PDB file of N, CA and C in Angstrom:
ATOM      1  N   MET A   1       4.621 -59.379 145.275  1.00  0.00           N
ATOM      2  CA  MET A   1       4.488 -60.708 144.846  1.00  0.00           C
ATOM      3  C   MET A   1       3.361 -61.389 145.709  1.00  0.00           C
ATOM      4  N   PRO A   2       2.155 -61.961 145.405  1.00  0.00           N
ATOM      5  CA  PRO A   2       1.399 -62.211 146.508  1.00  0.00           C
ATOM      6  C   PRO A   2       2.503 -63.947 146.922  1.00  0.00           C
ATOM      7  N   ARG A   3       2.062 -63.865 147.423  1.00  0.00           N
ATOM      8  CA  ARG A   3       2.702 -65.050 148.845  1.00  0.00           C
ATOM      9  C   ARG A   3       1.833 -66.297 148.297  1.00  0.00           C
ATOM     10  N   SER A   4       2.400 -67.418 148.449  1.00  0.00           N
ATOM     11  CA  SER A   4       1.589 -69.250 148.472  1.00  0.00           C
ATOM     12  C   SER A   4       2.076 -69.081 150.175  1.00  0.00           C
ATOM     13  N   PRO A   5       0.346 -69.282 150.503  1.00  0.00           N
ATOM     14  CA  PRO A   5       0.527 -69.893 151.880  1.00  0.00           C
ATOM     15  C   PRO A   5       1.915 -70.179 152.943  1.00  0.00           C
ATOM     16  N   THR A   6       2.950 -71.227 151.955  1.00  0.00           N
ATOM     17  CA  THR A   6       3.765 -72.132 152.866  1.00  0.00           C
ATOM     18  C   THR A   6       4.453 -70.956 153.077  1.00  0.00           C
ATOM     19  N   SER A   7       4.588 -69.881 151.815  1.00  0.00           N
ATOM     20  CA  SER A   7       6.390 -68.779 152.000  1.00  0.00           C
ATOM     21  C   SER A   7       5.773 -67.928 152.646  1.00  0.00           C
ATOM     22  N   ARG A   8       3.857 -67.795 152.760  1.00  0.00           N
ATOM     23  CA  ARG A   8       3.669 -66.517 154.066  1.00  0.00           C
ATOM     24  C   ARG A   8       3.894 -67.786 155.151  1.00  0.00           C
ATOM     25  N   ALA A   9       4.008 -68.648 155.445  1.00  0.00           N
ATOM     26  CA  ALA A   9       3.879 -69.897 156.702  1.00  0.00           C
ATOM     27  C   ALA A   9       5.498 -68.955 157.064  1.00  0.00           C
ATOM     28  N   SER A  10       6.051 -70.154 156.278  1.00  0.00           N
ATOM     29  CA  SER A  10       7.751 -69.973 157.047  1.00  0.00           C
ATOM     30  C   SER A  10       7.915 -68.075 156.773  1.00  0.00           C
ATOM     31  N   THR A  11       7.626 -67.243 156.009  1.00  0.00           N
ATOM     32  CA  THR A  11       8.123 -65.540 156.452  1.00  0.00           C
ATOM     33  C   THR A  11       7.488 -65.780 158.413  1.00  0.00           C
ATOM     34  N   ALA A  12       6.709 -65.932 158.497  1.00  0.00           N
ATOM     35  CA  ALA A  12       5.570 -65.511 160.144  1.00  0.00           C
ATOM     36  C   ALA A  12       7.041 -66.572 160.302  1.00  0.00           C
ATOM     37  N   ASP A  13       7.331 -68.076 160.153  1.00  0.00           N
ATOM     38  CA  ASP A  13       7.978 -69.094 161.610  1.00  0.00           C
ATOM     39  C   ASP A  13       9.542 -67.676 161.362  1.00  0.00           C
ATOM     40  N   ALA A  14       9.942 -67.685 160.677  1.00  0.00           N
ATOM     41  CA  ALA A  14      11.104 -67.253 160.669  1.00  0.00           C
ATOM     42  C   ALA A  14      11.365 -65.625 161.149  1.00  0.00           C
ATOM     43  N   LYS A  15      10.488 -64.642 161.023  1.00  0.00           N
ATOM     44  CA  LYS A  15      10.240 -63.934 162.381  1.00  0.00           C
ATOM     45  C   LYS A  15      10.324 -63.995 163.590  1.00  0.00           C
ATOM     46  N   GLN A  16       8.972 -64.996 163.504  1.00  0.00           N
ATOM     47  CA  GLN A  16       9.099 -65.164 164.951  1.00  0.00           C
ATOM     48  C   GLN A  16      10.343 -65.743 165.648  1.00  0.00           C
ATOM     49  N   CYS A  17      11.634 -66.453 164.803  1.00  0.00           N
ATOM     50  CA  CYS A  17      12.553 -67.805 165.215  1.00  0.00           C
ATOM     51  C   CYS A  17      13.833 -65.985 165.457  1.00  0.00           C
ATOM     52  N   PHE A  18      13.171 -64.991 164.571  1.00  0.00           N
ATOM     53  CA  PHE A  18      14.762 -63.648 164.625  1.00  0.00           C
ATOM     54  C   PHE A  18      13.970 -63.034 165.846  1.00  0.00           C
ATOM     55  N   ASP A  19      12.468 -62.749 166.396  1.00  0.00           N
ATOM     56  CA  ASP A  19      12.551 -61.762 167.711  1.00  0.00           C
ATOM     57  C   ASP A  19      12.477 -62.692 168.554  1.00  0.00           C
ATOM     58  N   ALA A  20      12.868 -63.502 169.109  1.00  0.00           N
ATOM     59  CA  ALA A  20      12.574 -64.560 169.963  1.00  0.00           C
ATOM     60  C   ALA A  20      14.736 -64.859 170.346  1.00  0.00           C
ATOM     61  N   ASP A  21      14.597 -65.732 169.425  1.00  0.00           N
ATOM     62  CA  ASP A  21      15.741 -65.662 169.824  1.00  0.00           C
ATOM     63  C   ASP A  21      17.197 -64.965 168.648  1.00  0.00           C
ATOM     64  N   ALA A  22      17.796 -64.265 169.345  1.00  0.00           N
ATOM     65  CA  ALA A  22      18.911 -63.633 169.435  1.00  0.00           C
ATOM     66  C   ALA A  22      20.005 -64.092 168.065  1.00  0.00           C
ATOM     67  N   ALA A  23      20.132 -65.950 169.006  1.00  0.00           N
ATOM     68  CA  ALA A  23      21.667 -65.902 167.823  1.00  0.00           C
ATOM     69  C   ALA A  23      20.899 -66.425 166.660  1.00  0.00           C
ATOM     70  N   PHE A  24      20.201 -66.870 166.050  1.00  0.00           N
ATOM     71  CA  PHE A  24      19.278 -67.189 165.647  1.00  0.00           C
ATOM     72  C   PHE A  24      19.046 -66.335 164.058  1.00  0.00           C
ATOM     73  N   ALA A  25      18.873 -64.753 164.956  1.00  0.00           N
ATOM     74  CA  ALA A  25      18.832 -62.649 164.780  1.00  0.00           C
ATOM     75  C   ALA A  25      20.137 -62.707 163.632  1.00  0.00           C
ATOM     76  N   ASN A  26      21.636 -63.169 164.230  1.00  0.00           N
ATOM     77  CA  ASN A  26      22.941 -62.904 163.691  1.00  0.00           C
ATOM     78  C   ASN A  26      23.253 -63.799 162.741  1.00  0.00           C
ATOM     79  N   ARG A  27      22.686 -65.504 163.004  1.00  0.00           N
ATOM     80  CA  ARG A  27      23.136 -66.384 162.314  1.00  0.00           C
ATOM     81  C   ARG A  27      22.229 -65.503 160.497  1.00  0.00           C
ATOM     82  N   ALA A  28      21.247 -65.159 160.374  1.00  0.00           N
ATOM     83  CA  ALA A  28      20.326 -64.187 159.658  1.00  0.00           C
ATOM     84  C   ALA A  28      21.058 -63.562 159.506  1.00  0.00           C
ATOM     85  N   ARG A  29      21.351 -62.340 160.401  1.00  0.00           N
ATOM     86  CA  ARG A  29      22.391 -61.205 159.605  1.00  0.00           C
ATOM     87  C   ARG A  29      23.625 -62.089 158.132  1.00  0.00           C
ATOM     88  N   ASP A  30      24.180 -62.477 159.003  1.00  0.00           N
ATOM     89  CA  ASP A  30      25.667 -63.395 159.129  1.00  0.00           C
ATOM     90  C   ASP A  30      25.158 -63.648 157.822  1.00  0.00           C
ATOM     91  N   TYR A  31      24.347 -64.412 156.911  1.00  0.00           N
ATOM     92  CA  TYR A  31      24.203 -64.749 156.066  1.00  0.00           C
ATOM     93  C   TYR A  31      23.650 -64.138 154.719  1.00  0.00           C
ATOM     94  N   VAL A  32      22.804 -63.032 155.144  1.00  0.00           N
ATOM     95  CA  VAL A  32      22.339 -62.240 153.746  1.00  0.00           C
ATOM     96  C   VAL A  32      24.048 -60.295 153.609  1.00  0.00           C
ATOM     97  N   VAL A  33      24.624 -61.032 155.266  1.00  0.00           N
ATOM     98  CA  VAL A  33      25.856 -60.590 154.627  1.00  0.00           C
ATOM     99  C   VAL A  33      26.874 -61.275 153.749  1.00  0.00           C
ATOM    100  N   ARG A  34      26.593 -62.478 153.819  1.00  0.00           N
ATOM    101  CA  ARG A  34      27.160 -63.797 152.964  1.00  0.00           C
ATOM    102  C   ARG A  34      26.681 -63.483 151.642  1.00  0.00           C
ATOM    103  N   LEU A  35      25.540 -63.641 151.754  1.00  0.00           N
ATOM    104  CA  LEU A  35      24.644 -63.708 150.137  1.00  0.00           C
ATOM    105  C   LEU A  35      25.286 -62.540 149.344  1.00  0.00           C
ATOM    106  N   GLN A  36      24.994 -60.947 149.854  1.00  0.00           N
ATOM    107  CA  GLN A  36      25.598 -60.023 149.360  1.00  0.00           C
ATOM    108  C   GLN A  36      26.279 -59.549 148.519  1.00  0.00           C
ATOM    109  N   SER A  37      27.984 -60.223 149.400  1.00  0.00           N
ATOM    110  CA  SER A  37      29.238 -60.832 149.494  1.00  0.00           C
ATOM    111  C   SER A  37      30.218 -61.902 148.175  1.00  0.00           C
ATOM    112  N   GLY A  38      28.544 -62.280 147.783  1.00  0.00           N
ATOM    113  CA  GLY A  38      28.893 -63.059 146.842  1.00  0.00           C
ATOM    114  C   GLY A  38      29.090 -64.768 147.608  1.00  0.00           C
ATOM    115  N   ASP A  39      29.043 -64.408 148.218  1.00  0.00           N
ATOM    116  CA  ASP A  39      29.338 -66.047 149.207  1.00  0.00           C
ATOM    117  C   ASP A  39      28.757 -66.868 148.233  1.00  0.00           C
ATOM    118  N   ALA A  40      29.850 -68.044 147.613  1.00  0.00           N
ATOM    119  CA  ALA A  40      29.126 -69.618 146.493  1.00  0.00           C
ATOM    120  C   ALA A  40      27.445 -70.284 147.062  1.00  0.00           C
ATOM    121  N   HIS A  41      28.223 -70.314 148.096  1.00  0.00           N
ATOM    122  CA  HIS A  41      26.977 -71.407 149.429  1.00  0.00           C
ATOM    123  C   HIS A  41      25.779 -70.355 149.392  1.00  0.00           C
ATOM    124  N   CYS A  42      26.179 -69.751 149.847  1.00  0.00           N
ATOM    125  CA  CYS A  42      24.632 -68.200 149.661  1.00  0.00           C
ATOM    126  C   CYS A  42      24.054 -68.476 148.629  1.00  0.00           C
ATOM    127  N   ARG A  43      24.889 -67.663 147.739  1.00  0.00           N
ATOM    128  CA  ARG A  43      24.181 -67.584 146.253  1.00  0.00           C
ATOM    129  C   ARG A  43      23.776 -68.973 145.792  1.00  0.00           C
ATOM    130  N   ALA A  44      23.931 -70.131 146.245  1.00  0.00           N
ATOM    131  CA  ALA A  44      23.797 -71.368 145.763  1.00  0.00           C
ATOM    132  C   ALA A  44      21.792 -71.617 146.231  1.00  0.00           C
ATOM    133  N   CYS A  45      22.170 -71.604 147.763  1.00  0.00           N
ATOM    134  CA  CYS A  45      20.840 -71.220 148.568  1.00  0.00           C
ATOM    135  C   CYS A  45      19.974 -70.162 148.207  1.00  0.00           C
ATOM    136  N   GLY A  46      19.997 -68.976 147.890  1.00  0.00           N
ATOM    137  CA  GLY A  46      18.925 -68.375 147.274  1.00  0.00           C
ATOM    138  C   GLY A  46      18.671 -68.347 145.960  1.00  0.00           C
ATOM    139  N   SER A  47      19.578 -69.346 145.428  1.00  0.00           N
ATOM    140  CA  SER A  47      19.081 -68.758 143.961  1.00  0.00           C
ATOM    141  C   SER A  47      17.948 -70.855 143.689  1.00  0.00           C
ATOM    142  N   ALA A  48      18.536 -71.574 144.598  1.00  0.00           N
ATOM    143  CA  ALA A  48      16.522 -72.505 145.228  1.00  0.00           C
ATOM    144  C   ALA A  48      16.374 -71.743 145.316  1.00  0.00           C
ATOM    145  N   SER A  49      16.006 -70.602 146.778  1.00  0.00           N
ATOM    146  CA  SER A  49      14.593 -70.989 147.322  1.00  0.00           C
ATOM    147  C   SER A  49      14.241 -69.442 145.982  1.00  0.00           C
ATOM    148  N   SER A  50      14.861 -68.527 145.663  1.00  0.00           N
ATOM    149  CA  SER A  50      13.952 -68.124 144.152  1.00  0.00           C
ATOM    150  C   SER A  50      13.525 -68.497 143.125  1.00  0.00           C
ATOM    151  N   THR A  51      14.140 -69.731 142.550  1.00  0.00           N
ATOM    152  CA  THR A  51      13.230 -70.429 141.345  1.00  0.00           C
ATOM    153  C   THR A  51      12.394 -71.164 142.575  1.00  0.00           C
ATOM    154  N   SER A  52      12.748 -71.576 143.457  1.00  0.00           N
ATOM    155  CA  SER A  52      10.629 -71.806 144.426  1.00  0.00           C
ATOM    156  C   SER A  52       9.815 -70.246 144.200  1.00  0.00           C
ATOM    157  N   ARG A  53      10.519 -70.041 144.457  1.00  0.00           N
ATOM    158  CA  ARG A  53       9.491 -68.375 144.662  1.00  0.00           C
ATOM    159  C   ARG A  53       8.763 -67.984 143.291  1.00  0.00           C
ATOM    160  N   TRP A  54       9.779 -68.598 141.986  1.00  0.00           N
ATOM    161  CA  TRP A  54       9.541 -67.374 140.859  1.00  0.00           C
ATOM    162  C   TRP A  54       8.602 -68.881 140.925  1.00  0.00           C
ATOM    163  N   ARG A  55       8.582 -70.009 140.469  1.00  0.00           N
ATOM    164  CA  ARG A  55       7.137 -71.528 140.239  1.00  0.00           C
ATOM    165  C   ARG A  55       6.046 -70.683 141.120  1.00  0.00           C
ATOM    166  N   THR A  56       5.979 -70.190 142.088  1.00  0.00           N
ATOM    167  CA  THR A  56       4.929 -70.200 142.812  1.00  0.00           C
ATOM    168  C   THR A  56       4.488 -68.734 142.106  1.00  0.00           C
ATOM    169  N   ALA A  57       4.809 -67.868 141.826  1.00  0.00           N
ATOM    170  CA  ALA A  57       4.479 -66.643 141.335  1.00  0.00           C
ATOM    171  C   ALA A  57       3.930 -66.784 140.248  1.00  0.00           C
ATOM    172  N   ARG A  58       4.863 -67.148 138.879  1.00  0.00           N
ATOM    173  CA  ARG A  58       4.747 -67.818 137.806  1.00  0.00           C
ATOM    174  C   ARG A  58       3.148 -68.412 138.124  1.00  0.00           C
ATOM    175  N   GLU A  59       2.963 -69.284 138.981  1.00  0.00           N
ATOM    176  CA  GLU A  59       1.239 -69.971 138.683  1.00  0.00           C
ATOM    177  C   GLU A  59       0.315 -69.228 139.149  1.00  0.00           C
ATOM    178  N   ILE A  60       0.225 -68.685 139.753  1.00  0.00           N
ATOM    179  CA  ILE A  60      -0.784 -67.432 140.633  1.00  0.00           C
ATOM    180  C   ILE A  60      -0.700 -66.655 138.919  1.00  0.00           C
ATOM    181  N   TYR A  61       0.049 -65.601 138.602  1.00  0.00           N
ATOM    182  CA  TYR A  61       0.204 -64.610 137.658  1.00  0.00           C
ATOM    183  C   TYR A  61      -0.713 -65.874 136.625  1.00  0.00           C
ATOM    184  N   ARG A  62      -0.447 -67.540 135.872  1.00  0.00           N
ATOM    185  CA  ARG A  62      -1.105 -67.306 134.927  1.00  0.00           C
ATOM    186  C   ARG A  62      -2.342 -67.897 135.398  1.00  0.00           C
ATOM    187  N   LYS A  63      -2.588 -67.750 136.645  1.00  0.00           N
ATOM    188  CA  LYS A  63      -4.210 -67.628 137.078  1.00  0.00           C
ATOM    189  C   LYS A  63      -4.794 -66.101 137.100  1.00  0.00           C
ATOM    190  N   LEU A  64      -4.379 -65.706 137.219  1.00  0.00           N
ATOM    191  CA  LEU A  64      -5.124 -64.127 137.008  1.00  0.00           C
ATOM    192  C   LEU A  64      -5.003 -63.314 135.860  1.00  0.00           C
ATOM    193  N   ASN A  65      -4.326 -64.317 134.447  1.00  0.00           N
ATOM    194  CA  ASN A  65      -4.028 -64.017 133.447  1.00  0.00           C
ATOM    195  C   ASN A  65      -3.428 -62.734 132.572  1.00  0.00           C
ATOM    196  N   VAL A  66      -2.210 -62.753 134.126  1.00  0.00           N
ATOM    197  CA  VAL A  66      -0.521 -61.438 134.157  1.00  0.00           C
ATOM    198  C   VAL A  66       0.344 -62.313 133.313  1.00  0.00           C
ATOM    199  N   THR A  67       1.192 -61.835 132.685  1.00  0.00           N
ATOM    200  CA  THR A  67       2.091 -62.825 131.131  1.00  0.00           C
ATOM    201  C   THR A  67       2.808 -61.826 132.220  1.00  0.00           C
ATOM    202  N   LEU A  68       4.141 -62.433 132.986  1.00  0.00           N
ATOM    203  CA  LEU A  68       5.740 -62.419 133.732  1.00  0.00           C
ATOM    204  C   LEU A  68       6.562 -63.023 132.913  1.00  0.00           C
ATOM    205  N   ARG A  69       7.119 -62.610 132.812  1.00  0.00           N
ATOM    206  CA  ARG A  69       8.525 -63.571 131.811  1.00  0.00           C
ATOM    207  C   ARG A  69       9.527 -63.571 132.996  1.00  0.00           C
ATOM    208  N   HIS A  70       9.938 -64.213 132.571  1.00  0.00           N
ATOM    209  CA  HIS A  70      11.721 -64.474 133.415  1.00  0.00           C
ATOM    210  C   HIS A  70      12.438 -63.107 133.743  1.00  0.00           C
ATOM    211  N   ALA A  71      12.901 -62.164 132.673  1.00  0.00           N
ATOM    212  CA  ALA A  71      13.616 -61.332 131.903  1.00  0.00           C
ATOM    213  C   ALA A  71      12.661 -60.049 132.720  1.00  0.00           C
ATOM    214  N   ASP A  72      11.170 -60.197 132.884  1.00  0.00           N
ATOM    215  CA  ASP A  72      10.707 -58.817 133.847  1.00  0.00           C
ATOM    216  C   ASP A  72      10.810 -59.050 135.302  1.00  0.00           C
ATOM    217  N   ILE A  73      11.573 -59.586 136.113  1.00  0.00           N
ATOM    218  CA  ILE A  73      11.479 -59.876 137.515  1.00  0.00           C
ATOM    219  C   ILE A  73      13.391 -59.517 137.707  1.00  0.00           C
ATOM    220  N   LYS A  74      13.674 -58.583 138.846  1.00  0.00           N
ATOM    221  CA  LYS A  74      14.664 -58.426 138.808  1.00  0.00           C
ATOM    222  C   LYS A  74      14.320 -58.203 140.769  1.00  0.00           C
ATOM    223  N   ALA A  75      15.302 -59.070 141.433  1.00  0.00           N
ATOM    224  CA  ALA A  75      16.114 -59.260 142.707  1.00  0.00           C
ATOM    225  C   ALA A  75      16.154 -57.799 143.123  1.00  0.00           C
ATOM    226  N   GLU A  76      15.326 -58.140 144.231  1.00  0.00           N
ATOM    227  CA  GLU A  76      15.508 -56.622 144.982  1.00  0.00           C
ATOM    228  C   GLU A  76      17.272 -56.519 145.323  1.00  0.00           C
ATOM    229  N   SER A  77      17.731 -57.712 145.743  1.00  0.00           N
ATOM    230  CA  SER A  77      19.174 -57.107 146.150  1.00  0.00           C
ATOM    231  C   SER A  77      19.798 -57.232 144.304  1.00  0.00           C
ATOM    232  N   ALA A  78      19.196 -56.955 143.926  1.00  0.00           N
ATOM    233  CA  ALA A  78      19.870 -56.563 142.646  1.00  0.00           C
ATOM    234  C   ALA A  78      20.128 -54.836 142.556  1.00  0.00           C
ATOM    235  N   THR A  79      19.244 -54.184 143.260  1.00  0.00           N
ATOM    236  CA  THR A  79      19.120 -52.896 143.054  1.00  0.00           C
ATOM    237  C   THR A  79      20.104 -52.332 144.376  1.00  0.00           C
ATOM    238  N   THR A  80      20.855 -53.094 145.172  1.00  0.00           N
ATOM    239  CA  THR A  80      21.461 -52.125 146.120  1.00  0.00           C
ATOM    240  C   THR A  80      23.022 -51.578 145.253  1.00  0.00           C
ATOM    241  N   THR A  81      23.592 -52.551 144.024  1.00  0.00           N
ATOM    242  CA  THR A  81      24.212 -51.367 143.425  1.00  0.00           C
ATOM    243  C   THR A  81      23.977 -49.896 143.116  1.00  0.00           C
ATOM    244  N   THR A  82      22.709 -49.914 142.543  1.00  0.00           N
ATOM    245  CA  THR A  82      21.911 -48.980 142.784  1.00  0.00           C
ATOM    246  C   THR A  82      21.692 -47.723 143.333  1.00  0.00           C
ATOM    247  N   CYS A  83      21.785 -48.129 144.294  1.00  0.00           N
ATOM    248  CA  CYS A  83      20.962 -47.381 145.656  1.00  0.00           C
ATOM    249  C   CYS A  83      22.473 -46.553 145.861  1.00  0.00           C
ATOM    250  N   ARG A  84      21.529 -45.119 146.436  1.00  0.00           N
ATOM    251  CA  ARG A  84      22.631 -44.571 147.665  1.00  0.00           C
ATOM    252  C   ARG A  84      22.963 -44.406 148.637  1.00  0.00           C
ATOM    253  N   TRP A  85      23.240 -45.073 149.738  1.00  0.00           N
ATOM    254  CA  TRP A  85      22.759 -44.865 151.098  1.00  0.00           C
ATOM    255  C   TRP A  85      23.202 -43.758 152.371  1.00  0.00           C
TER     256      TRP A  85
END
């Protein structure tokens, strides 16, 4: 999915922090585990982030004249239960 400039900058900033700061990297990993485990606080934060990304994507796709419904998208984490590791 195309990213907005703000999203791209945030991702780059997070990557720099992840690479430069072991404590940040450990917190990030911990939050991923908590989110995947169903932690209520993390799910709320993830939902807010997802809603923001959805709005950005919807606007980009609208400009491209591409029909995208909310029902058409699925979070990457939704595939976790269907993958065999």
